[in-house]
Amino acid sequence: MALHRFHWRPHEFLEMDRKEKAFVIASIQLELKKEKEEHDRIKSKIRG
């Protein structure tokens, strides 16, 4: 997801140090959570 979204090549992610990778992964998880909440909110509006 992030590799595609940020136009990163896999080697760019692999070259990051452990803390950078952890930050990227945590950021992705937060973004996915927000997207899921938004999806669920819209879905519940449609259902009534």
PDB file of N, CA and C in Angstrom:
ATOM      1  N   MET A   1       0.821  -1.188   0.000  1.00  0.00           N
ATOM      2  CA  MET A   1       0.000   0.000   0.000  1.00  0.00           C
ATOM      3  C   MET A   1       0.869   1.258   0.000  1.00  0.00           C
ATOM      4  N   ALA A   2       1.710   1.405   1.012  1.00  0.00           N
ATOM      5  CA  ALA A   2       2.526   2.617   1.098  1.00  0.00           C
ATOM      6  C   ALA A   2       3.530   2.689  -0.039  1.00  0.00           C
ATOM      7  N   LEU A   3       4.082   1.547  -0.393  1.00  0.00           N
ATOM      8  CA  LEU A   3       5.059   1.557  -1.474  1.00  0.00           C
ATOM      9  C   LEU A   3       4.432   2.109  -2.745  1.00  0.00           C
ATOM     10  N   HIS A   4       3.204   1.721  -2.996  1.00  0.00           N
ATOM     11  CA  HIS A   4       2.504   2.199  -4.188  1.00  0.00           C
ATOM     12  C   HIS A   4       2.080   3.646  -4.023  1.00  0.00           C
ATOM     13  N   ARG A   5       1.512   3.977  -2.879  1.00  0.00           N
ATOM     14  CA  ARG A   5       0.995   5.322  -2.633  1.00  0.00           C
ATOM     15  C   ARG A   5       2.084   6.381  -2.679  1.00  0.00           C
ATOM     16  N   PHE A   6       3.255   6.046  -2.141  1.00  0.00           N
ATOM     17  CA  PHE A   6       4.346   7.017  -2.078  1.00  0.00           C
ATOM     18  C   PHE A   6       5.361   6.842  -3.199  1.00  0.00           C
ATOM     19  N   HIS A   7       5.036   5.932  -4.140  1.00  0.00           N
ATOM     20  CA  HIS A   7       5.907   5.689  -5.282  1.00  0.00           C
ATOM     21  C   HIS A   7       7.305   5.250  -4.847  1.00  0.00           C
ATOM     22  N   TRP A   8       7.354   4.401  -3.810  1.00  0.00           N
ATOM     23  CA  TRP A   8       8.619   3.853  -3.340  1.00  0.00           C
ATOM     24  C   TRP A   8       8.870   2.521  -4.011  1.00  0.00           C
ATOM     25  N   ARG A   9      10.111   2.269  -4.262  1.00  0.00           N
ATOM     26  CA  ARG A   9      10.506   0.947  -4.742  1.00  0.00           C
ATOM     27  C   ARG A   9      10.809   0.092  -3.508  1.00  0.00           C
ATOM     28  N   PRO A  10      10.619  -1.208  -3.612  1.00  0.00           N
ATOM     29  CA  PRO A  10      10.855  -2.074  -2.438  1.00  0.00           C
ATOM     30  C   PRO A  10      12.221  -1.870  -1.800  1.00  0.00           C
ATOM     31  N   HIS A  11      13.253  -1.655  -2.598  1.00  0.00           N
ATOM     32  CA  HIS A  11      14.582  -1.499  -2.003  1.00  0.00           C
ATOM     33  C   HIS A  11      14.667  -0.245  -1.130  1.00  0.00           C
ATOM     34  N   GLU A  12      13.868   0.775  -1.441  1.00  0.00           N
ATOM     35  CA  GLU A  12      13.878   1.991  -0.619  1.00  0.00           C
ATOM     36  C   GLU A  12      13.342   1.699   0.780  1.00  0.00           C
ATOM     37  N   PHE A  13      12.297   0.877   0.844  1.00  0.00           N
ATOM     38  CA  PHE A  13      11.763   0.495   2.149  1.00  0.00           C
ATOM     39  C   PHE A  13      12.762  -0.397   2.874  1.00  0.00           C
ATOM     40  N   LEU A  14      13.333  -1.344   2.167  1.00  0.00           N
ATOM     41  CA  LEU A  14      14.273  -2.276   2.788  1.00  0.00           C
ATOM     42  C   LEU A  14      15.532  -1.593   3.303  1.00  0.00           C
ATOM     43  N   GLU A  15      15.901  -0.473   2.701  1.00  0.00           N
ATOM     44  CA  GLU A  15      17.092   0.253   3.132  1.00  0.00           C
ATOM     45  C   GLU A  15      16.853   1.122   4.370  1.00  0.00           C
ATOM     46  N   MET A  16      15.605   1.294   4.766  1.00  0.00           N
ATOM     47  CA  MET A  16      15.302   2.094   5.960  1.00  0.00           C
ATOM     48  C   MET A  16      15.779   1.368   7.204  1.00  0.00           C
ATOM     49  N   ASP A  17      16.116   2.156   8.227  1.00  0.00           N
ATOM     50  CA  ASP A  17      16.483   1.497   9.480  1.00  0.00           C
ATOM     51  C   ASP A  17      15.209   1.025  10.192  1.00  0.00           C
ATOM     52  N   ARG A  18      15.398   0.296  11.251  1.00  0.00           N
ATOM     53  CA  ARG A  18      14.276  -0.349  11.950  1.00  0.00           C
ATOM     54  C   ARG A  18      13.223   0.661  12.440  1.00  0.00           C
ATOM     55  N   LYS A  19      13.684   1.795  12.965  1.00  0.00           N
ATOM     56  CA  LYS A  19      12.751   2.804  13.482  1.00  0.00           C
ATOM     57  C   LYS A  19      11.939   3.435  12.351  1.00  0.00           C
ATOM     58  N   GLU A  20      12.572   3.681  11.232  1.00  0.00           N
ATOM     59  CA  GLU A  20      11.858   4.249  10.085  1.00  0.00           C
ATOM     60  C   GLU A  20      10.794   3.278   9.578  1.00  0.00           C
ATOM     61  N   LYS A  21      11.164   2.003   9.481  1.00  0.00           N
ATOM     62  CA  LYS A  21      10.195   0.994   9.051  1.00  0.00           C
ATOM     63  C   LYS A  21       9.031   0.909  10.019  1.00  0.00           C
ATOM     64  N   ALA A  22       9.323   0.944  11.320  1.00  0.00           N
ATOM     65  CA  ALA A  22       8.267   0.882  12.333  1.00  0.00           C
ATOM     66  C   ALA A  22       7.321   2.067  12.203  1.00  0.00           C
ATOM     67  N   PHE A  23       7.877   3.249  11.950  1.00  0.00           N
ATOM     68  CA  PHE A  23       7.055   4.441  11.776  1.00  0.00           C
ATOM     69  C   PHE A  23       6.156   4.308  10.554  1.00  0.00           C
ATOM     70  N   VAL A  24       6.720   3.847   9.444  1.00  0.00           N
ATOM     71  CA  VAL A  24       5.950   3.682   8.213  1.00  0.00           C
ATOM     72  C   VAL A  24       4.821   2.678   8.441  1.00  0.00           C
ATOM     73  N   ILE A  25       5.136   1.551   9.059  1.00  0.00           N
ATOM     74  CA  ILE A  25       4.127   0.516   9.303  1.00  0.00           C
ATOM     75  C   ILE A  25       3.025   1.033  10.224  1.00  0.00           C
ATOM     76  N   ALA A  26       3.395   1.744  11.289  1.00  0.00           N
ATOM     77  CA  ALA A  26       2.396   2.303  12.203  1.00  0.00           C
ATOM     78  C   ALA A  26       1.517   3.328  11.488  1.00  0.00           C
ATOM     79  N   SER A  27       2.113   4.131  10.642  1.00  0.00           N
ATOM     80  CA  SER A  27       1.350   5.124   9.887  1.00  0.00           C
ATOM     81  C   SER A  27       0.358   4.459   8.943  1.00  0.00           C
ATOM     82  N   ILE A  28       0.785   3.394   8.303  1.00  0.00           N
ATOM     83  CA  ILE A  28      -0.101   2.648   7.411  1.00  0.00           C
ATOM     84  C   ILE A  28      -1.267   2.067   8.193  1.00  0.00           C
ATOM     85  N   GLN A  29      -0.977   1.506   9.360  1.00  0.00           N
ATOM     86  CA  GLN A  29      -2.032   0.917  10.179  1.00  0.00           C
ATOM     87  C   GLN A  29      -3.053   1.967  10.601  1.00  0.00           C
ATOM     88  N   LEU A  30      -2.579   3.151  10.979  1.00  0.00           N
ATOM     89  CA  LEU A  30      -3.498   4.230  11.354  1.00  0.00           C
ATOM     90  C   LEU A  30      -4.354   4.661  10.174  1.00  0.00           C
ATOM     91  N   GLU A  31      -3.735   4.791   9.024  1.00  0.00           N
ATOM     92  CA  GLU A  31      -4.471   5.199   7.824  1.00  0.00           C
ATOM     93  C   GLU A  31      -5.522   4.161   7.453  1.00  0.00           C
ATOM     94  N   LEU A  32      -5.174   2.888   7.537  1.00  0.00           N
ATOM     95  CA  LEU A  32      -6.144   1.832   7.250  1.00  0.00           C
ATOM     96  C   LEU A  32      -7.311   1.860   8.226  1.00  0.00           C
ATOM     97  N   LYS A  33      -7.004   2.133   9.488  1.00  0.00           N
ATOM     98  CA  LYS A  33      -8.064   2.221  10.495  1.00  0.00           C
ATOM     99  C   LYS A  33      -9.022   3.374  10.171  1.00  0.00           C
ATOM    100  N   LYS A  34      -8.469   4.523   9.793  1.00  0.00           N
ATOM    101  CA  LYS A  34      -9.307   5.674   9.426  1.00  0.00           C
ATOM    102  C   LYS A  34     -10.168   5.357   8.211  1.00  0.00           C
ATOM    103  N   GLU A  35      -9.562   4.720   7.219  1.00  0.00           N
ATOM    104  CA  GLU A  35     -10.311   4.378   6.010  1.00  0.00           C
ATOM    105  C   GLU A  35     -11.434   3.398   6.317  1.00  0.00           C
ATOM    106  N   LYS A  36     -11.168   2.425   7.180  1.00  0.00           N
ATOM    107  CA  LYS A  36     -12.199   1.454   7.547  1.00  0.00           C
ATOM    108  C   LYS A  36     -13.336   2.137   8.298  1.00  0.00           C
ATOM    109  N   GLU A  37     -13.003   3.035   9.227  1.00  0.00           N
ATOM    110  CA  GLU A  37     -14.032   3.756   9.969  1.00  0.00           C
ATOM    111  C   GLU A  37     -14.890   4.597   9.028  1.00  0.00           C
ATOM    112  N   GLU A  38     -14.269   5.247   8.068  1.00  0.00           N
ATOM    113  CA  GLU A  38     -15.001   6.051   7.094  1.00  0.00           C
ATOM    114  C   GLU A  38     -15.900   5.158   6.238  1.00  0.00           C
ATOM    115  N   HIS A  39     -15.367   4.035   5.813  1.00  0.00           N
ATOM    116  CA  HIS A  39     -16.144   3.077   5.027  1.00  0.00           C
ATOM    117  C   HIS A  39     -17.352   2.587   5.823  1.00  0.00           C
ATOM    118  N   ASP A  40     -17.132   2.226   7.078  1.00  0.00           N
ATOM    119  CA  ASP A  40     -18.226   1.742   7.930  1.00  0.00           C
ATOM    120  C   ASP A  40     -19.274   2.830   8.162  1.00  0.00           C
ATOM    121  N   ARG A  41     -18.819   4.089   8.317  1.00  0.00           N
ATOM    122  CA  ARG A  41     -19.737   5.205   8.537  1.00  0.00           C
ATOM    123  C   ARG A  41     -20.627   5.386   7.306  1.00  0.00           C
ATOM    124  N   ILE A  42     -20.031   5.368   6.143  1.00  0.00           N
ATOM    125  CA  ILE A  42     -20.811   5.527   4.896  1.00  0.00           C
ATOM    126  C   ILE A  42     -21.756   4.350   4.710  1.00  0.00           C
ATOM    127  N   LYS A  43     -21.267   3.164   4.971  1.00  0.00           N
ATOM    128  CA  LYS A  43     -22.080   1.966   4.827  1.00  0.00           C
ATOM    129  C   LYS A  43     -23.305   2.009   5.746  1.00  0.00           C
ATOM    130  N   SER A  44     -23.115   2.469   6.983  1.00  0.00           N
ATOM    131  CA  SER A  44     -24.242   2.537   7.915  1.00  0.00           C
ATOM    132  C   SER A  44     -25.236   3.632   7.504  1.00  0.00           C
ATOM    133  N   LYS A  45     -24.759   4.720   6.895  1.00  0.00           N
ATOM    134  CA  LYS A  45     -25.656   5.773   6.387  1.00  0.00           C
ATOM    135  C   LYS A  45     -26.536   5.247   5.268  1.00  0.00           C
ATOM    136  N   ILE A  46     -25.926   4.442   4.394  1.00  0.00           N
ATOM    137  CA  ILE A  46     -26.674   3.906   3.254  1.00  0.00           C
ATOM    138  C   ILE A  46     -27.770   2.962   3.735  1.00  0.00           C
ATOM    139  N   ARG A  47     -27.445   2.159   4.748  1.00  0.00           N
ATOM    140  CA  ARG A  47     -28.409   1.192   5.260  1.00  0.00           C
ATOM    141  C   ARG A  47     -29.544   1.859   6.033  1.00  0.00           C
ATOM    142  N   GLY A  48     -29.291   3.040   6.508  1.00  0.00           N
ATOM    143  CA  GLY A  48     -30.341   3.759   7.189  1.00  0.00           C
ATOM    144  C   GLY A  48     -30.151   3.765   8.619  1.00  0.00           C
TER     145      GLY A  48
END
